[in-house]
């Protein structure tokens, strides 16, 4: 029966080829889209953890992140000592204090609201900024007059390396202070939404400027293995502090991923069902073209279930070949763009609450590959069921009298 099914597919090779090609392209499209969405979410999560949240944050129990509170009671006291103790833990790759404040940066007649981030320039956690310098130089820990400006922000304000800018911030006692700084460098993390609103100061200068000497907003922690975050967070609980993992800090992004995955399954079904309808059309055409042959087979004693099996076997051969080709095309596309990326410019900057890079790198997972493969095979075989049943319902006498 296998040889008969294979031979039947070759009767009209062009129609069979185009039918299989339609399903293959639909499968490839769905597979690439799955890799695109996975790469988008994964990239946003990695960037957010690397730049903003870390794998774990340790903050004062009363700290209000939405307000960037600078009151001493809302900050971590002696943060360098706390960070050093945390960094001694074997699971911790780096732990460093950071200070956050709201500010207004002005240059000439241009102003912009910014997030002021005080960092330790010598910490490994600051490497994304150091490696992202596109002009000028990186900060030093003892710099008291310099700051770094994100590239999009520098372009919007029209400032460059060596220019003087005015920075206004709130202080720990509720006052407002203003000081003139020199732009030491311009950085790019390739995350427009972050770079257009962030300026960097050495931690010591940020503390002095905001009157928060000896305090920090948080301890930023990166781990050797991100999956150990929950266990480590539970181990370092302290009533004075709030310990949050990357899951706690990226709840919106995780919910977005879950919602996107749910919608993607529906999209898979729609696209593959549309392309699989071509298989239905091909087999229906085959039934009408082979009506007399089906009548002869029935007259010779072939049972209805055997005729059904014959057409389903033809559909299975087409489905397997189509899905295999689609996986090859979709996988190759995902692999290529996974290395070279798909530029999206500053589109990600318009998505509030999420950090997206200026390019998306598709990432194909085994789960997505299996899901797409099974859906494509299942829907294609379901689409072939109608013409197969149609063939079994032909009466042998009427089929034998069909026109050749």
Protein backbone atom coordinates (compact mmCIF):
# COMPACT_ATOMS: atom_id res chain seq x y z
CA UNK A 1 0.00 0.00 0.00
CA UNK A 2 2.93 2.33 0.70
CA UNK A 3 4.23 1.89 -2.84
CA UNK A 4 0.75 2.52 -4.24
CA UNK A 5 0.38 5.72 -2.18
CA UNK A 6 3.81 6.95 -3.23
CA UNK A 7 3.02 6.23 -6.87
CA UNK A 8 -0.31 8.06 -6.67
CA UNK A 9 1.43 11.20 -5.42
CA UNK A 10 3.61 11.13 -8.51
CA UNK A 11 0.69 11.12 -10.92
CA UNK A 12 0.42 14.89 -10.81
CA UNK A 13 3.80 15.92 -9.54
CA UNK A 14 3.31 19.64 -10.03
CA UNK A 15 0.11 19.73 -7.98
CA UNK A 16 1.65 17.56 -5.26
CA UNK A 17 4.77 19.72 -5.17
CA UNK A 18 2.87 23.00 -4.87
CA UNK A 19 0.56 21.55 -2.19
CA UNK A 20 3.52 20.39 -0.13
CA UNK A 21 5.28 23.71 -0.70
CA UNK A 22 2.27 25.62 0.66
CA UNK A 23 2.25 23.59 3.88
CA UNK A 24 6.04 23.82 4.14
CA UNK A 25 5.98 27.63 3.85
CA UNK A 26 3.17 27.86 6.41
CA UNK A 27 5.13 25.67 8.83
CA UNK A 28 8.32 27.67 8.23
CA UNK A 29 6.48 30.94 8.84
CA UNK A 30 4.95 29.73 12.08
CA UNK A 31 8.26 28.28 13.30
CA UNK A 32 10.13 31.49 12.53
CA UNK A 33 7.46 33.57 14.25
CA UNK A 34 7.70 31.35 17.32
CA UNK A 35 11.47 31.89 17.36
CA UNK A 36 10.98 35.64 16.84
CA UNK A 37 8.60 35.99 19.81
CA UNK A 38 10.83 33.82 22.02
CA UNK A 39 13.88 35.86 21.04
CA UNK A 40 12.05 39.11 21.67
CA UNK A 41 10.92 38.14 25.17
CA UNK A 42 14.20 36.43 26.05
CA UNK A 43 16.21 39.42 24.83
CA UNK A 44 14.06 41.88 26.78
CA UNK A 45 14.40 39.79 29.94
CA UNK A 46 18.18 39.46 29.61
CA UNK A 47 18.58 43.20 29.01
CA UNK A 48 16.33 44.14 31.92
CA UNK A 49 18.21 41.83 34.28
CA UNK A 50 21.62 42.99 33.07
CA UNK A 51 20.88 46.71 33.17
CA UNK A 52 18.13 47.27 35.68
CA UNK A 53 16.98 44.53 38.01
CA UNK A 54 19.83 42.05 38.37
CA UNK A 55 19.11 38.43 39.32
CA UNK A 56 18.42 39.57 42.89
CA UNK A 57 17.97 42.95 44.53
CA UNK A 58 18.37 43.70 48.21
CA UNK A 59 16.56 46.86 49.28
CA UNK A 60 15.44 48.48 52.50
CA UNK A 61 12.11 47.07 53.62
CA UNK A 62 10.49 50.52 53.30
CA UNK A 63 11.97 51.42 49.91
CA UNK A 64 9.42 52.65 47.35
CA UNK A 65 10.77 51.98 43.87
CA UNK A 66 8.10 54.08 42.14
CA UNK A 67 9.17 57.18 44.05
CA UNK A 68 12.94 56.54 44.04
CA UNK A 69 12.90 57.56 47.68
CA UNK A 70 16.16 59.05 48.99
CA UNK A 71 15.17 59.27 52.66
CA UNK A 72 17.82 57.54 54.73
CA UNK A 73 15.31 55.21 56.37
CA UNK A 74 14.34 53.93 52.89
CA UNK A 75 17.91 53.16 51.83
CA UNK A 76 20.43 50.41 52.51
CA UNK A 77 22.90 51.54 55.18
CA UNK A 78 26.62 50.78 54.71
CA UNK A 79 25.95 49.26 51.26
CA UNK A 80 29.58 48.49 50.47
CA UNK A 81 29.80 46.25 53.52
CA UNK A 82 26.50 44.51 52.70
CA UNK A 83 27.60 43.99 49.08
CA UNK A 84 30.95 42.54 50.17
CA UNK A 85 29.22 40.03 52.44
CA UNK A 86 26.87 38.97 49.66
CA UNK A 87 29.68 38.70 47.14
CA UNK A 88 31.40 36.14 49.36
CA UNK A 89 28.53 33.69 48.77
CA UNK A 90 29.47 30.99 46.24
CA UNK A 91 26.30 31.49 44.15
CA UNK A 92 27.00 35.22 43.66
CA UNK A 93 29.03 36.41 40.69
CA UNK A 94 28.91 40.09 41.59
CA UNK A 95 27.13 42.29 44.15
CA UNK A 96 27.36 46.06 43.98
CA UNK A 97 25.55 49.06 45.52
CA UNK A 98 23.56 51.37 43.27
CA UNK A 99 21.81 54.65 43.93
CA UNK A 100 18.80 55.80 41.93
CA UNK A 101 17.32 59.27 41.79
CA UNK A 102 15.08 61.32 39.55
CA UNK A 103 16.60 64.35 37.90
CA UNK A 104 16.33 66.97 35.19
CA UNK A 105 19.22 67.38 32.75
CA UNK A 106 19.53 70.62 30.84
CA UNK A 107 21.87 71.79 28.12
CA UNK A 108 21.47 75.19 26.52
CA UNK A 109 17.73 75.54 25.99
CA UNK A 110 16.98 71.79 26.04
CA UNK A 111 15.83 69.83 29.10
CA UNK A 112 14.91 66.22 29.75
CA UNK A 113 13.71 64.20 32.71
CA UNK A 114 16.26 61.49 33.53
CA UNK A 115 17.02 58.64 35.87
CA UNK A 116 20.28 59.30 37.69
CA UNK A 117 22.12 56.05 38.39
CA UNK A 118 25.06 56.00 40.74
CA UNK A 119 27.33 53.03 39.99
CA UNK A 120 30.66 51.61 41.06
CA UNK A 121 32.75 52.01 37.87
CA UNK A 122 35.11 49.21 38.97
CA UNK A 123 32.37 46.61 39.42
CA UNK A 124 31.85 43.80 36.91
CA UNK A 125 28.18 44.78 36.87
CA UNK A 126 29.17 48.07 35.19
CA UNK A 127 30.83 46.37 32.22
CA UNK A 128 27.79 46.78 29.91
CA UNK A 129 28.21 50.54 30.30
CA UNK A 130 32.00 50.46 29.97
CA UNK A 131 31.84 48.30 26.84
CA UNK A 132 29.08 50.53 25.45
CA UNK A 133 31.15 53.74 25.31
CA UNK A 134 30.77 55.14 21.79
CA UNK A 135 32.56 58.43 22.42
CA UNK A 136 34.77 59.75 25.19
CA UNK A 137 35.84 57.74 28.21
CA UNK A 138 34.31 55.74 31.05
CA UNK A 139 33.94 57.05 34.58
CA UNK A 140 36.45 56.65 37.38
CA UNK A 141 35.41 56.11 40.99
CA UNK A 142 36.95 59.41 42.17
CA UNK A 143 35.49 61.59 39.38
CA UNK A 144 33.57 64.46 40.94
CA UNK A 145 32.62 66.46 37.84
CA UNK A 146 31.92 63.91 35.12
CA UNK A 147 28.90 61.94 34.01
CA UNK A 148 27.90 59.64 31.16
CA UNK A 149 24.92 60.27 28.91
CA UNK A 150 22.99 57.72 26.84
CA UNK A 151 23.46 58.20 23.10
CA UNK A 152 19.79 58.94 22.24
CA UNK A 153 19.61 61.42 25.12
CA UNK A 154 22.81 63.14 24.00
CA UNK A 155 21.45 63.43 20.47
CA UNK A 156 18.14 64.90 21.63
CA UNK A 157 19.91 67.47 23.84
CA UNK A 158 22.59 68.19 21.25
CA UNK A 159 25.50 67.56 23.63
CA UNK A 160 28.83 65.84 23.09
CA UNK A 161 31.93 64.83 25.01
CA UNK A 162 33.39 67.76 26.92
CA UNK A 163 30.18 69.79 26.99
CA UNK A 164 28.85 71.13 30.24
CA UNK A 165 25.36 70.27 31.38
CA UNK A 166 23.27 71.15 34.40
CA UNK A 167 21.75 68.40 36.52
CA UNK A 168 19.00 69.02 39.04
CA UNK A 169 18.05 66.32 41.58
CA UNK A 170 16.05 65.84 44.74
CA UNK A 171 18.09 65.23 47.88
CA UNK A 172 17.62 63.07 50.96
CA UNK A 173 16.25 65.97 53.04
CA UNK A 174 13.66 66.87 50.41
CA UNK A 175 15.51 69.85 48.94
CA UNK A 176 16.49 70.33 45.30
CA UNK A 177 20.12 70.71 44.32
CA UNK A 178 21.68 71.64 41.00
CA UNK A 179 25.23 71.23 39.76
CA UNK A 180 27.18 71.58 36.53
CA UNK A 181 28.83 68.45 35.15
CA UNK A 182 31.10 67.64 32.23
CA UNK A 183 30.04 64.97 29.76
CA UNK A 184 32.90 62.45 30.03
CA UNK A 185 31.43 59.99 27.60
CA UNK A 186 28.41 58.82 25.64
CA UNK A 187 27.28 55.23 26.02
CA UNK A 188 24.94 52.88 24.20
CA UNK A 189 23.58 49.62 25.56
CA UNK A 190 21.62 49.18 22.31
CA UNK A 191 18.46 49.59 24.38
CA UNK A 192 16.87 52.87 23.22
CA UNK A 193 14.27 52.98 25.98
CA UNK A 194 17.00 52.81 28.62
CA UNK A 195 19.65 54.93 26.93
CA UNK A 196 17.33 57.86 26.22
CA UNK A 197 16.49 58.37 29.91
CA UNK A 198 19.57 57.32 31.90
CA UNK A 199 22.69 59.17 33.01
CA UNK A 200 25.50 57.61 35.03
CA UNK A 201 27.48 59.05 37.93
CA UNK A 202 30.17 57.49 40.12
CA UNK A 203 28.42 56.15 43.23
CA UNK A 204 30.43 58.35 45.63
CA UNK A 205 29.57 61.51 43.70
CA UNK A 206 25.89 60.52 43.41
CA UNK A 207 25.77 59.99 47.19
CA UNK A 208 27.37 63.34 47.91
CA UNK A 209 25.14 65.15 45.40
CA UNK A 210 21.93 63.70 46.84
CA UNK A 211 23.04 63.90 50.50
CA UNK A 212 22.89 60.13 50.90
CA UNK A 213 26.49 59.45 51.99
CA UNK A 214 26.90 55.91 53.28
CA UNK A 215 23.62 54.75 51.75
CA UNK A 216 22.36 53.19 48.51
CA UNK A 217 19.00 52.45 46.94
CA UNK A 218 19.77 48.78 46.48
CA UNK A 219 22.33 46.02 46.18
CA UNK A 220 22.41 44.79 42.59
CA UNK A 221 23.30 41.08 42.40
CA UNK A 222 24.17 38.86 39.44
CA UNK A 223 24.41 35.11 40.00
CA UNK A 224 26.47 32.35 38.42
CA UNK A 225 23.21 30.49 37.80
CA UNK A 226 19.99 32.50 37.54
CA UNK A 227 17.89 29.49 38.50
CA UNK A 228 19.37 29.64 42.01
CA UNK A 229 17.76 33.04 42.65
CA UNK A 230 14.77 31.78 44.62
CA UNK A 231 16.83 29.54 46.89
CA UNK A 232 19.41 32.24 47.56
CA UNK A 233 16.78 34.91 48.18
CA UNK A 234 15.15 32.67 50.79
CA UNK A 235 18.54 32.09 52.45
CA UNK A 236 19.44 35.78 52.82
CA UNK A 237 16.11 37.06 54.13
CA UNK A 238 16.49 39.74 56.79
CA UNK A 239 13.74 41.82 58.44
CA UNK A 240 15.65 45.00 57.61
CA UNK A 241 15.62 44.26 53.89
CA UNK A 242 13.34 43.28 51.06
CA UNK A 243 14.94 40.60 48.89
CA UNK A 244 13.47 40.31 45.38
CA UNK A 245 14.36 37.90 42.58
CA UNK A 246 14.35 38.56 38.87
CA UNK A 247 10.91 36.93 38.66
CA UNK A 248 9.50 39.36 41.23
CA UNK A 249 11.08 42.34 39.47
CA UNK A 250 10.01 41.32 35.96
CA UNK A 251 6.47 40.18 36.64
CA UNK A 252 5.04 42.25 33.77
CA UNK A 253 7.46 40.73 31.27
CA UNK A 254 6.76 37.19 32.47
CA UNK A 255 3.01 37.77 32.19
CA UNK A 256 3.52 39.18 28.70
CA UNK A 257 5.41 36.03 27.72
CA UNK A 258 2.63 33.77 29.03
CA UNK A 259 -0.03 35.77 27.21
CA UNK A 260 1.99 35.80 23.99
CA UNK A 261 2.45 32.03 24.12
CA UNK A 262 -1.30 31.51 24.52
CA UNK A 263 -2.08 33.72 21.54
CA UNK A 264 0.65 32.10 19.46
CA UNK A 265 -0.97 28.65 19.67
CA UNK A 266 -4.16 30.11 18.19
CA UNK A 267 -2.13 31.80 15.48
CA UNK A 268 -0.35 28.52 14.70
CA UNK A 269 -3.69 26.79 14.20
CA UNK A 270 -5.05 29.53 11.92
CA UNK A 271 -2.00 29.75 9.64
CA UNK A 272 -1.45 26.01 9.38
CA UNK A 273 -5.18 25.35 8.84
CA UNK A 274 -5.19 27.79 5.92
CA UNK A 275 -2.17 26.18 4.30
CA UNK A 276 -3.37 22.65 5.09
CA UNK A 277 -6.57 23.35 3.15
CA UNK A 278 -4.40 23.05 0.05
CA UNK A 279 -3.90 19.38 0.96
CA UNK A 280 -7.67 18.99 1.17
CA UNK A 281 -8.07 20.48 -2.30
CA UNK A 282 -5.33 18.24 -3.72
CA UNK A 283 -6.87 15.05 -2.36
CA UNK A 284 -10.40 16.03 -3.37
CA UNK A 285 -9.13 16.57 -6.91
CA UNK A 286 -7.45 13.16 -6.71
CA UNK A 287 -10.70 11.50 -5.62
CA UNK A 288 -12.61 12.88 -8.61
CA UNK A 289 -9.81 12.05 -11.03
CA UNK A 290 -9.54 8.50 -9.71
CA UNK A 291 -13.23 7.75 -9.27
CA UNK A 292 -13.15 4.90 -11.80
CA UNK A 293 -9.98 3.48 -10.23
CA UNK A 294 -11.56 3.59 -6.77
CA UNK A 295 -14.56 1.71 -8.17
CA UNK A 296 -12.29 -0.98 -9.61
CA UNK A 297 -10.45 -1.35 -6.30
CA UNK A 298 -13.76 -1.67 -4.47
CA UNK A 299 -15.04 -4.19 -7.01
CA UNK A 300 -11.88 -6.25 -6.50
CA UNK A 301 -12.65 -6.48 -2.81
CA UNK A 302 -10.78 -3.55 -1.26
CA UNK A 303 -12.68 -2.53 1.85
CA UNK A 304 -13.69 1.04 2.62
CA UNK A 305 -11.25 1.25 5.50
CA UNK A 306 -8.44 0.18 3.14
CA UNK A 307 -9.34 2.93 0.69
CA UNK A 308 -9.45 5.35 3.62
CA UNK A 309 -6.03 4.13 4.74
CA UNK A 310 -4.65 4.58 1.22
CA UNK A 311 -5.68 8.24 1.02
CA UNK A 312 -4.57 8.94 4.60
CA UNK A 313 -1.21 7.37 3.81
CA UNK A 314 -0.87 9.71 0.82
CA UNK A 315 -1.73 12.62 3.11
CA UNK A 316 0.78 11.40 5.70
CA UNK A 317 3.56 11.26 3.12
CA UNK A 318 2.73 14.79 1.98
CA UNK A 319 2.45 16.04 5.57
CA UNK A 320 5.75 14.53 6.73
CA UNK A 321 7.60 15.84 3.68
CA UNK A 322 6.00 19.29 4.01
CA UNK A 323 6.63 19.64 7.74
CA UNK A 324 10.23 18.42 7.42
CA UNK A 325 10.87 20.98 4.68
CA UNK A 326 9.15 23.69 6.72
CA UNK A 327 11.24 22.89 9.78
CA UNK A 328 14.39 23.09 7.67
CA UNK A 329 13.43 26.46 6.14
CA UNK A 330 12.14 27.95 9.40
CA UNK A 331 15.08 26.62 11.43
CA UNK A 332 17.61 27.96 8.93
CA UNK A 333 15.96 31.40 8.93
CA UNK A 334 15.85 31.49 12.74
CA UNK A 335 19.50 30.44 12.95
CA UNK A 336 20.62 33.12 10.47
CA UNK A 337 18.74 35.99 12.09
CA UNK A 338 19.60 34.62 15.52
CA UNK A 339 23.19 35.57 14.73
CA UNK A 340 22.66 38.73 12.65
CA UNK A 341 19.50 40.04 14.32
CA UNK A 342 16.48 41.87 12.95
CA UNK A 343 16.89 45.66 13.43
CA UNK A 344 13.86 47.38 14.97
CA UNK A 345 15.42 50.76 15.68
CA UNK A 346 13.87 52.62 18.60
CA UNK A 347 10.49 50.87 18.42
CA UNK A 348 11.26 49.25 21.76
CA UNK A 349 11.64 52.68 23.36
CA UNK A 350 7.92 53.24 22.89
CA UNK A 351 6.95 50.20 25.01
CA UNK A 352 6.51 51.52 28.53
CA UNK A 353 7.75 49.33 31.35
CA UNK A 354 9.74 46.97 29.11
CA UNK A 355 13.30 47.16 27.84
CA UNK A 356 13.79 46.05 24.24
CA UNK A 357 17.02 46.28 22.30
CA UNK A 358 17.44 47.89 18.89
CA UNK A 359 17.49 44.42 17.30
CA UNK A 360 15.67 41.15 17.92
CA UNK A 361 17.53 37.85 17.75
CA UNK A 362 15.15 34.93 17.12
CA UNK A 363 15.67 32.00 19.46
CA UNK A 364 14.30 28.59 18.52
CA UNK A 365 13.54 26.22 21.37
CA UNK A 366 12.95 22.47 21.27
CA UNK A 367 9.49 22.96 22.80
CA UNK A 368 8.45 25.36 20.04
CA UNK A 369 9.83 23.04 17.37
CA UNK A 370 7.89 20.06 18.73
CA UNK A 371 4.71 22.10 19.20
CA UNK A 372 4.77 23.48 15.66
CA UNK A 373 5.62 20.06 14.20
CA UNK A 374 2.78 18.27 16.00
CA UNK A 375 0.24 20.99 15.19
CA UNK A 376 1.27 21.04 11.53
CA UNK A 377 1.07 17.24 11.21
CA UNK A 378 -2.19 17.02 13.12
CA UNK A 379 -3.98 19.80 11.24
CA UNK A 380 -2.75 18.52 7.85
CA UNK A 381 -4.00 15.00 8.55
CA UNK A 382 -7.34 16.34 9.77
CA UNK A 383 -7.61 18.35 6.56
CA UNK A 384 -7.08 15.12 4.59
CA UNK A 385 -9.80 13.25 6.44
CA UNK A 386 -12.70 14.69 4.43
CA UNK A 387 -11.45 13.65 0.95
CA UNK A 388 -10.43 10.24 2.33
CA UNK A 389 -13.95 9.65 3.68
CA UNK A 390 -15.36 10.96 0.40
CA UNK A 391 -13.43 8.25 -1.44
CA UNK A 392 -14.84 5.49 0.77
CA UNK A 393 -18.41 6.57 0.11
CA UNK A 394 -18.23 6.10 -3.65
CA UNK A 395 -20.50 3.26 -4.81
CA UNK A 396 -18.50 0.74 -6.89
CA UNK A 397 -21.12 0.53 -9.67
CA UNK A 398 -21.41 4.31 -10.04
CA UNK A 399 -17.62 4.70 -9.83
CA UNK A 400 -17.09 2.13 -12.61
CA UNK A 401 -19.41 4.09 -14.90
CA UNK A 402 -17.54 7.36 -14.23
CA UNK A 403 -15.99 9.12 -17.20
CA UNK A 404 -12.37 8.34 -17.78
